[in-house]
């Protein structure tokens, strides 16, 4: 197996309240591999994903994302929440542009990537729509388009 794109070794997370959300998690993900985390509510799936995405720091263990960090120093990992979490005042295109904008790309520089992402989730033609005009499934697809890796990322 080639070097993993994501490597998690003995990762744990204990919150300030003393709650242990995750203990001794280990995972290796190869380039192009599709992985699903399964388990009961409260077992630490979301906590592990938040750690890998750089939104939380582990209390124990270590993790590595083998790709260039973003300008903000975060790993270039897409993260789609259980709810769409779209900006209601922004169009579909502007919601998809958000991580590219945070990475320093102008709207013009990001135009082709935005269009490609929307095509990939079946939402070409909805660039100017607002979240309130979309079905629940369409909102989730905008979230997926927004956080999918850019071409050449991983």
N, C-alpha and C. Protein backbone atom coordinates (compact mmCIF):
# COMPACT_ATOMS: atom_id res chain seq x y z
N UNK A 1 0.85 -1.19 0.00
CA UNK A 1 0.00 0.00 0.00
C UNK A 1 0.88 1.24 0.00
N UNK A 2 0.51 2.24 -0.78
CA UNK A 2 1.25 3.49 -0.82
C UNK A 2 1.06 4.26 0.48
N UNK A 3 1.81 5.32 0.64
CA UNK A 3 1.68 6.15 1.84
C UNK A 3 0.25 6.63 1.98
N UNK A 4 -0.28 6.63 3.19
CA UNK A 4 -1.67 7.05 3.37
C UNK A 4 -1.85 8.56 3.16
N UNK A 5 -3.02 8.94 2.70
CA UNK A 5 -3.38 10.35 2.58
C UNK A 5 -3.77 10.88 3.95
N UNK A 6 -4.42 10.03 4.74
CA UNK A 6 -4.79 10.36 6.11
C UNK A 6 -4.29 9.23 7.01
N UNK A 7 -3.60 9.61 8.07
CA UNK A 7 -3.10 8.65 9.04
C UNK A 7 -3.48 9.11 10.44
N UNK A 8 -4.17 8.26 11.17
CA UNK A 8 -4.60 8.56 12.54
C UNK A 8 -4.06 7.44 13.42
N UNK A 9 -3.34 7.81 14.47
CA UNK A 9 -2.75 6.80 15.35
C UNK A 9 -3.04 7.11 16.80
N UNK A 10 -3.81 6.25 17.45
CA UNK A 10 -4.08 6.37 18.88
C UNK A 10 -4.72 7.67 19.30
N UNK A 11 -5.55 8.24 18.44
CA UNK A 11 -6.15 9.55 18.72
C UNK A 11 -7.28 9.43 19.74
N UNK A 12 -7.26 10.35 20.68
CA UNK A 12 -8.31 10.44 21.68
C UNK A 12 -8.72 11.88 21.87
N UNK A 13 -9.91 12.08 22.38
CA UNK A 13 -10.40 13.44 22.65
C UNK A 13 -11.17 13.43 23.97
N UNK A 14 -10.66 14.20 24.92
CA UNK A 14 -11.34 14.41 26.20
C UNK A 14 -11.64 15.91 26.28
N UNK A 15 -12.91 16.22 26.48
CA UNK A 15 -13.31 17.63 26.57
C UNK A 15 -13.04 18.16 27.97
N UNK A 16 -13.02 19.47 28.12
CA UNK A 16 -12.75 20.11 29.42
C UNK A 16 -13.70 19.62 30.51
N UNK A 17 -14.90 19.23 30.12
CA UNK A 17 -15.89 18.74 31.09
C UNK A 17 -15.50 17.36 31.64
N UNK A 18 -14.49 16.72 31.02
CA UNK A 18 -14.10 15.38 31.42
C UNK A 18 -14.68 14.29 30.54
N UNK A 19 -15.60 14.66 29.67
CA UNK A 19 -16.22 13.68 28.76
C UNK A 19 -15.20 13.15 27.76
N UNK A 20 -15.11 11.84 27.70
CA UNK A 20 -14.24 11.21 26.71
C UNK A 20 -15.09 10.94 25.47
N UNK A 21 -14.78 11.65 24.38
CA UNK A 21 -15.56 11.52 23.15
C UNK A 21 -14.94 10.50 22.20
N UNK A 22 -13.66 10.22 22.38
CA UNK A 22 -12.95 9.34 21.47
C UNK A 22 -11.73 8.79 22.20
N UNK A 23 -11.44 7.50 22.01
CA UNK A 23 -10.28 6.90 22.67
C UNK A 23 -9.58 5.94 21.72
N UNK A 24 -8.27 6.15 21.57
CA UNK A 24 -7.40 5.23 20.84
C UNK A 24 -7.87 4.89 19.42
N UNK A 25 -8.29 5.89 18.68
CA UNK A 25 -8.74 5.68 17.29
C UNK A 25 -7.53 5.63 16.36
N UNK A 26 -7.54 4.65 15.46
CA UNK A 26 -6.49 4.54 14.45
C UNK A 26 -7.13 4.28 13.10
N UNK A 27 -6.57 4.89 12.06
CA UNK A 27 -7.16 4.80 10.73
C UNK A 27 -6.10 5.18 9.71
N UNK A 28 -6.09 4.50 8.59
CA UNK A 28 -5.23 4.85 7.46
C UNK A 28 -6.11 4.88 6.21
N UNK A 29 -6.02 5.96 5.45
CA UNK A 29 -6.81 6.10 4.23
C UNK A 29 -5.85 6.33 3.07
N UNK A 30 -5.91 5.47 2.08
CA UNK A 30 -5.05 5.58 0.91
C UNK A 30 -5.68 6.52 -0.12
N UNK A 31 -4.87 7.04 -1.01
CA UNK A 31 -5.34 7.90 -2.10
C UNK A 31 -6.43 7.17 -2.89
N UNK A 32 -7.55 7.83 -3.12
CA UNK A 32 -8.64 7.28 -3.92
C UNK A 32 -9.53 6.30 -3.18
N UNK A 33 -9.22 6.02 -1.94
CA UNK A 33 -10.01 5.07 -1.17
C UNK A 33 -11.25 5.75 -0.61
N UNK A 34 -12.34 5.03 -0.55
CA UNK A 34 -13.60 5.53 0.01
C UNK A 34 -13.79 4.84 1.35
N UNK A 35 -13.97 5.61 2.41
CA UNK A 35 -14.09 5.06 3.76
C UNK A 35 -15.36 5.59 4.41
N UNK A 36 -16.07 4.72 5.10
CA UNK A 36 -17.25 5.12 5.87
C UNK A 36 -17.01 4.79 7.33
N UNK A 37 -17.34 5.73 8.21
CA UNK A 37 -17.26 5.48 9.65
C UNK A 37 -18.64 5.10 10.13
N UNK A 38 -18.74 3.95 10.74
CA UNK A 38 -20.02 3.45 11.22
C UNK A 38 -19.94 3.21 12.72
N UNK A 39 -21.03 3.47 13.40
CA UNK A 39 -21.09 3.21 14.84
C UNK A 39 -22.29 3.88 15.45
N UNK A 40 -22.59 3.54 16.69
CA UNK A 40 -23.77 4.12 17.35
C UNK A 40 -23.57 5.60 17.67
N UNK A 41 -24.66 6.28 17.93
CA UNK A 41 -24.59 7.69 18.32
C UNK A 41 -23.69 7.84 19.54
N UNK A 42 -22.86 8.86 19.50
CA UNK A 42 -22.01 9.16 20.65
C UNK A 42 -20.71 8.38 20.71
N UNK A 43 -20.37 7.61 19.68
CA UNK A 43 -19.14 6.81 19.74
C UNK A 43 -17.90 7.57 19.29
N UNK A 44 -18.05 8.78 18.73
CA UNK A 44 -16.90 9.61 18.37
C UNK A 44 -16.65 9.80 16.89
N UNK A 45 -17.58 9.36 16.03
CA UNK A 45 -17.39 9.50 14.58
C UNK A 45 -17.21 10.96 14.18
N UNK A 46 -18.11 11.81 14.60
CA UNK A 46 -18.03 13.23 14.23
C UNK A 46 -16.81 13.89 14.87
N UNK A 47 -16.48 13.49 16.08
CA UNK A 47 -15.30 14.05 16.74
C UNK A 47 -14.04 13.71 15.95
N UNK A 48 -13.93 12.47 15.50
CA UNK A 48 -12.78 12.06 14.70
C UNK A 48 -12.71 12.87 13.41
N UNK A 49 -13.85 13.04 12.74
CA UNK A 49 -13.87 13.82 11.49
C UNK A 49 -13.50 15.27 11.75
N UNK A 50 -13.96 15.84 12.85
CA UNK A 50 -13.61 17.22 13.18
C UNK A 50 -12.11 17.36 13.45
N UNK A 51 -11.51 16.34 14.06
CA UNK A 51 -10.06 16.36 14.30
C UNK A 51 -9.31 16.30 12.97
N UNK A 52 -9.69 15.38 12.10
CA UNK A 52 -9.03 15.24 10.80
C UNK A 52 -9.16 16.52 9.98
N UNK A 53 -10.32 17.18 10.08
CA UNK A 53 -10.55 18.43 9.33
C UNK A 53 -9.85 19.63 9.97
N UNK A 54 -9.26 19.45 11.13
CA UNK A 54 -8.56 20.55 11.79
C UNK A 54 -9.46 21.45 12.60
N UNK A 55 -10.69 21.02 12.86
CA UNK A 55 -11.63 21.83 13.63
C UNK A 55 -11.53 21.58 15.14
N UNK A 56 -10.90 20.49 15.52
CA UNK A 56 -10.64 20.12 16.92
C UNK A 56 -9.21 19.63 17.02
N UNK A 57 -8.62 19.73 18.18
CA UNK A 57 -7.30 19.16 18.43
C UNK A 57 -7.47 17.90 19.28
N UNK A 58 -6.73 16.85 18.98
CA UNK A 58 -6.83 15.64 19.79
C UNK A 58 -6.20 15.86 21.16
N UNK A 59 -6.69 15.13 22.15
CA UNK A 59 -6.07 15.14 23.48
C UNK A 59 -4.90 14.17 23.51
N UNK A 60 -5.01 13.08 22.74
CA UNK A 60 -3.98 12.04 22.70
C UNK A 60 -3.74 11.63 21.26
N UNK A 61 -2.60 11.01 21.02
CA UNK A 61 -2.29 10.45 19.72
C UNK A 61 -1.89 11.51 18.71
N UNK A 62 -1.82 11.07 17.46
CA UNK A 62 -1.43 12.01 16.41
C UNK A 62 -2.16 11.66 15.12
N UNK A 63 -2.28 12.66 14.26
CA UNK A 63 -2.88 12.44 12.94
C UNK A 63 -2.12 13.27 11.93
N UNK A 64 -2.18 12.83 10.70
CA UNK A 64 -1.50 13.54 9.63
C UNK A 64 -2.34 13.47 8.36
N UNK A 65 -2.43 14.59 7.70
CA UNK A 65 -3.09 14.66 6.40
C UNK A 65 -1.98 14.97 5.41
N UNK A 66 -1.68 14.02 4.53
CA UNK A 66 -0.53 14.13 3.61
C UNK A 66 -0.89 14.97 2.39
N UNK A 67 -1.13 16.22 2.61
CA UNK A 67 -1.40 17.17 1.53
C UNK A 67 -1.04 18.55 2.06
N UNK A 68 -0.82 19.47 1.16
CA UNK A 68 -0.44 20.82 1.55
C UNK A 68 -1.54 21.49 2.34
N UNK A 69 -1.23 22.07 3.53
CA UNK A 69 -2.26 22.77 4.29
C UNK A 69 -2.79 24.00 3.55
N UNK A 70 -3.96 24.44 3.90
CA UNK A 70 -4.54 25.65 3.31
C UNK A 70 -3.82 26.87 3.85
N UNK A 71 -4.14 28.03 3.33
CA UNK A 71 -3.53 29.28 3.82
C UNK A 71 -3.80 29.48 5.30
N UNK A 72 -4.95 29.01 5.78
CA UNK A 72 -5.29 29.17 7.19
C UNK A 72 -4.55 28.14 8.05
N UNK A 73 -3.72 27.28 7.42
CA UNK A 73 -2.98 26.28 8.16
C UNK A 73 -3.78 25.02 8.44
N UNK A 74 -4.98 24.93 7.90
CA UNK A 74 -5.82 23.75 8.11
C UNK A 74 -5.55 22.72 7.03
N UNK A 75 -5.77 21.43 7.36
CA UNK A 75 -5.60 20.42 6.30
C UNK A 75 -6.64 20.62 5.21
N UNK A 76 -6.31 20.29 3.95
CA UNK A 76 -7.26 20.47 2.85
C UNK A 76 -8.26 19.32 2.81
N UNK A 77 -9.06 19.24 3.85
CA UNK A 77 -10.02 18.16 4.00
C UNK A 77 -11.42 18.75 3.95
N UNK A 78 -12.27 18.16 3.11
CA UNK A 78 -13.66 18.60 3.05
C UNK A 78 -14.44 18.02 4.20
N UNK A 79 -15.40 18.78 4.69
CA UNK A 79 -16.20 18.34 5.82
C UNK A 79 -17.63 18.80 5.59
N UNK A 80 -18.54 17.86 5.51
CA UNK A 80 -19.95 18.18 5.33
C UNK A 80 -20.67 17.83 6.62
N UNK A 81 -21.28 18.80 7.24
CA UNK A 81 -21.98 18.58 8.49
C UNK A 81 -23.27 17.80 8.25
N UNK A 82 -23.89 17.32 9.33
CA UNK A 82 -25.13 16.57 9.20
C UNK A 82 -26.26 17.46 8.70
N UNK A 83 -26.18 18.74 8.95
CA UNK A 83 -27.12 19.73 8.42
C UNK A 83 -26.37 20.52 7.35
N UNK A 84 -27.05 21.09 6.36
CA UNK A 84 -26.36 21.76 5.27
C UNK A 84 -25.47 22.94 5.66
N UNK A 85 -25.81 23.70 6.70
CA UNK A 85 -25.02 24.85 7.16
C UNK A 85 -24.61 25.81 6.04
N UNK A 86 -25.54 26.12 5.17
CA UNK A 86 -25.28 27.08 4.10
C UNK A 86 -25.51 28.49 4.61
N UNK A 87 -24.88 29.45 3.96
CA UNK A 87 -25.12 30.86 4.28
C UNK A 87 -26.41 31.25 3.57
N UNK A 88 -27.49 31.55 4.31
CA UNK A 88 -28.78 31.78 3.67
C UNK A 88 -28.83 33.03 2.80
N UNK A 89 -27.97 33.99 3.04
CA UNK A 89 -27.96 35.24 2.28
C UNK A 89 -27.13 35.13 1.00
N UNK A 90 -26.44 33.99 0.82
CA UNK A 90 -25.55 33.83 -0.34
C UNK A 90 -26.16 32.88 -1.35
N UNK A 91 -25.87 33.11 -2.61
CA UNK A 91 -26.34 32.21 -3.68
C UNK A 91 -25.62 30.87 -3.58
N UNK A 92 -26.11 29.91 -4.34
CA UNK A 92 -25.46 28.60 -4.41
C UNK A 92 -24.00 28.77 -4.82
N UNK A 93 -23.73 29.55 -5.86
CA UNK A 93 -22.36 29.75 -6.33
C UNK A 93 -21.49 30.37 -5.24
N UNK A 94 -22.02 31.34 -4.51
CA UNK A 94 -21.24 31.98 -3.45
C UNK A 94 -21.01 31.04 -2.28
N UNK A 95 -21.95 30.15 -1.99
CA UNK A 95 -21.74 29.15 -0.95
C UNK A 95 -20.62 28.19 -1.34
N UNK A 96 -20.59 27.78 -2.61
CA UNK A 96 -19.54 26.87 -3.08
C UNK A 96 -18.20 27.60 -3.15
N UNK A 97 -18.22 28.89 -3.42
CA UNK A 97 -17.01 29.69 -3.50
C UNK A 97 -16.34 29.88 -2.14
N UNK A 98 -17.06 29.76 -1.05
CA UNK A 98 -16.55 30.10 0.28
C UNK A 98 -15.16 29.53 0.59
N UNK A 99 -14.91 28.22 0.53
CA UNK A 99 -13.57 27.74 0.88
C UNK A 99 -12.50 28.20 -0.11
N UNK A 100 -12.88 28.39 -1.36
CA UNK A 100 -11.93 28.89 -2.34
C UNK A 100 -11.58 30.34 -2.05
N UNK A 101 -12.58 31.11 -1.65
CA UNK A 101 -12.36 32.51 -1.28
C UNK A 101 -11.45 32.59 -0.06
N UNK A 102 -11.70 31.71 0.93
CA UNK A 102 -10.85 31.69 2.13
C UNK A 102 -9.42 31.29 1.79
N UNK A 103 -9.25 30.53 0.71
CA UNK A 103 -7.92 30.13 0.26
C UNK A 103 -7.27 31.20 -0.62
N UNK A 104 -7.97 32.34 -0.81
CA UNK A 104 -7.39 33.45 -1.55
C UNK A 104 -7.77 33.56 -3.01
N UNK A 105 -8.72 32.73 -3.47
CA UNK A 105 -9.12 32.81 -4.88
C UNK A 105 -10.23 33.84 -5.07
N UNK A 106 -10.07 34.67 -6.08
CA UNK A 106 -11.13 35.62 -6.42
C UNK A 106 -12.30 34.84 -7.03
N UNK A 107 -13.43 35.48 -7.13
CA UNK A 107 -14.60 34.86 -7.75
C UNK A 107 -14.28 34.44 -9.18
N UNK A 108 -13.55 35.30 -9.90
CA UNK A 108 -13.18 34.98 -11.29
C UNK A 108 -12.25 33.78 -11.36
N UNK A 109 -11.25 33.73 -10.48
CA UNK A 109 -10.32 32.59 -10.46
C UNK A 109 -11.05 31.28 -10.13
N UNK A 110 -12.08 31.36 -9.30
CA UNK A 110 -12.79 30.16 -8.83
C UNK A 110 -13.94 29.75 -9.73
N UNK A 111 -14.30 30.59 -10.70
CA UNK A 111 -15.50 30.36 -11.52
C UNK A 111 -15.56 28.95 -12.12
N UNK A 112 -14.48 28.49 -12.76
CA UNK A 112 -14.49 27.16 -13.39
C UNK A 112 -14.62 26.05 -12.36
N UNK A 113 -13.92 26.18 -11.23
CA UNK A 113 -14.00 25.16 -10.17
C UNK A 113 -15.40 25.10 -9.59
N UNK A 114 -16.04 26.25 -9.41
CA UNK A 114 -17.41 26.30 -8.88
C UNK A 114 -18.35 25.59 -9.85
N UNK A 115 -18.22 25.90 -11.12
CA UNK A 115 -19.08 25.27 -12.13
C UNK A 115 -18.87 23.76 -12.16
N UNK A 116 -17.61 23.33 -12.08
CA UNK A 116 -17.31 21.89 -12.11
C UNK A 116 -17.90 21.19 -10.89
N UNK A 117 -17.79 21.81 -9.74
CA UNK A 117 -18.33 21.20 -8.52
C UNK A 117 -19.86 21.10 -8.61
N UNK A 118 -20.51 22.14 -9.10
CA UNK A 118 -21.97 22.11 -9.22
C UNK A 118 -22.42 21.07 -10.24
N UNK A 119 -21.69 20.95 -11.34
CA UNK A 119 -22.01 19.89 -12.31
C UNK A 119 -21.86 18.52 -11.67
N UNK A 120 -20.83 18.34 -10.86
CA UNK A 120 -20.54 17.02 -10.28
C UNK A 120 -21.63 16.56 -9.32
N UNK A 121 -22.39 17.51 -8.75
CA UNK A 121 -23.47 17.14 -7.83
C UNK A 121 -24.85 17.36 -8.45
N UNK A 122 -24.89 17.59 -9.76
CA UNK A 122 -26.16 17.73 -10.47
C UNK A 122 -26.89 19.03 -10.22
N UNK A 123 -26.15 20.10 -9.94
CA UNK A 123 -26.79 21.38 -9.66
C UNK A 123 -26.40 22.49 -10.64
N UNK A 124 -25.91 22.12 -11.81
CA UNK A 124 -25.63 23.13 -12.84
C UNK A 124 -26.95 23.82 -13.16
N UNK A 125 -26.92 25.13 -13.27
CA UNK A 125 -28.13 25.89 -13.54
C UNK A 125 -28.75 26.49 -12.28
N UNK A 126 -28.26 26.11 -11.11
CA UNK A 126 -28.79 26.65 -9.85
C UNK A 126 -27.83 27.63 -9.19
N UNK A 127 -26.84 28.11 -9.93
CA UNK A 127 -25.82 28.99 -9.38
C UNK A 127 -26.40 30.21 -8.68
N UNK A 128 -27.45 30.80 -9.23
CA UNK A 128 -28.02 32.02 -8.69
C UNK A 128 -29.12 31.81 -7.67
N UNK A 129 -29.45 30.56 -7.38
CA UNK A 129 -30.52 30.27 -6.40
C UNK A 129 -30.01 30.49 -4.98
N UNK A 130 -30.93 30.78 -4.08
CA UNK A 130 -30.62 30.92 -2.66
C UNK A 130 -31.05 29.65 -1.94
N UNK A 131 -30.42 29.33 -0.81
CA UNK A 131 -30.76 28.11 -0.08
C UNK A 131 -32.26 27.93 0.19
N UNK A 132 -32.98 29.02 0.45
CA UNK A 132 -34.42 28.91 0.75
C UNK A 132 -35.21 28.41 -0.45
N UNK A 133 -34.62 28.47 -1.64
CA UNK A 133 -35.29 28.04 -2.87
C UNK A 133 -34.98 26.58 -3.22
N UNK A 134 -34.19 25.90 -2.40
CA UNK A 134 -33.75 24.54 -2.69
C UNK A 134 -34.43 23.51 -1.79
N UNK A 135 -34.53 22.30 -2.28
CA UNK A 135 -35.01 21.19 -1.45
C UNK A 135 -33.92 20.82 -0.45
N UNK A 136 -34.25 20.00 0.53
CA UNK A 136 -33.27 19.55 1.51
C UNK A 136 -32.12 18.81 0.87
N UNK A 137 -32.43 17.93 -0.08
CA UNK A 137 -31.38 17.18 -0.76
C UNK A 137 -30.47 18.07 -1.58
N UNK A 138 -31.06 19.08 -2.21
CA UNK A 138 -30.25 20.01 -3.00
C UNK A 138 -29.31 20.81 -2.09
N UNK A 139 -29.79 21.19 -0.92
CA UNK A 139 -28.94 21.91 0.04
C UNK A 139 -27.75 21.06 0.45
N UNK A 140 -27.99 19.77 0.69
CA UNK A 140 -26.89 18.88 1.06
C UNK A 140 -25.89 18.76 -0.09
N UNK A 141 -26.38 18.73 -1.32
CA UNK A 141 -25.47 18.63 -2.47
C UNK A 141 -24.64 19.91 -2.62
N UNK A 142 -25.22 21.07 -2.28
CA UNK A 142 -24.42 22.31 -2.30
C UNK A 142 -23.32 22.20 -1.25
N UNK A 143 -23.65 21.66 -0.06
CA UNK A 143 -22.64 21.49 0.98
C UNK A 143 -21.53 20.56 0.52
N UNK A 144 -21.89 19.49 -0.18
CA UNK A 144 -20.89 18.56 -0.69
C UNK A 144 -20.02 19.25 -1.74
N UNK A 145 -20.64 20.00 -2.63
CA UNK A 145 -19.88 20.73 -3.66
C UNK A 145 -18.94 21.74 -3.02
N UNK A 146 -19.39 22.37 -1.95
CA UNK A 146 -18.58 23.40 -1.28
C UNK A 146 -17.33 22.80 -0.66
N UNK A 147 -17.43 21.63 -0.10
CA UNK A 147 -16.30 21.08 0.65
C UNK A 147 -15.59 19.95 -0.06
N UNK A 148 -15.94 19.66 -1.29
CA UNK A 148 -15.21 18.63 -2.02
C UNK A 148 -13.83 19.16 -2.36
N UNK A 149 -12.83 18.29 -2.37
CA UNK A 149 -11.48 18.75 -2.69
C UNK A 149 -11.41 19.38 -4.07
N UNK A 150 -10.60 20.39 -4.18
CA UNK A 150 -10.36 21.02 -5.48
C UNK A 150 -9.56 20.07 -6.35
N UNK A 151 -9.68 20.19 -7.67
CA UNK A 151 -8.89 19.33 -8.55
C UNK A 151 -7.41 19.43 -8.20
N UNK A 152 -6.75 18.28 -8.13
CA UNK A 152 -5.33 18.26 -7.80
C UNK A 152 -5.03 18.35 -6.32
N UNK A 153 -6.06 18.41 -5.48
CA UNK A 153 -5.85 18.56 -4.04
C UNK A 153 -5.24 17.33 -3.42
N UNK A 154 -5.93 16.17 -3.53
CA UNK A 154 -5.52 14.98 -2.79
C UNK A 154 -5.56 13.82 -3.71
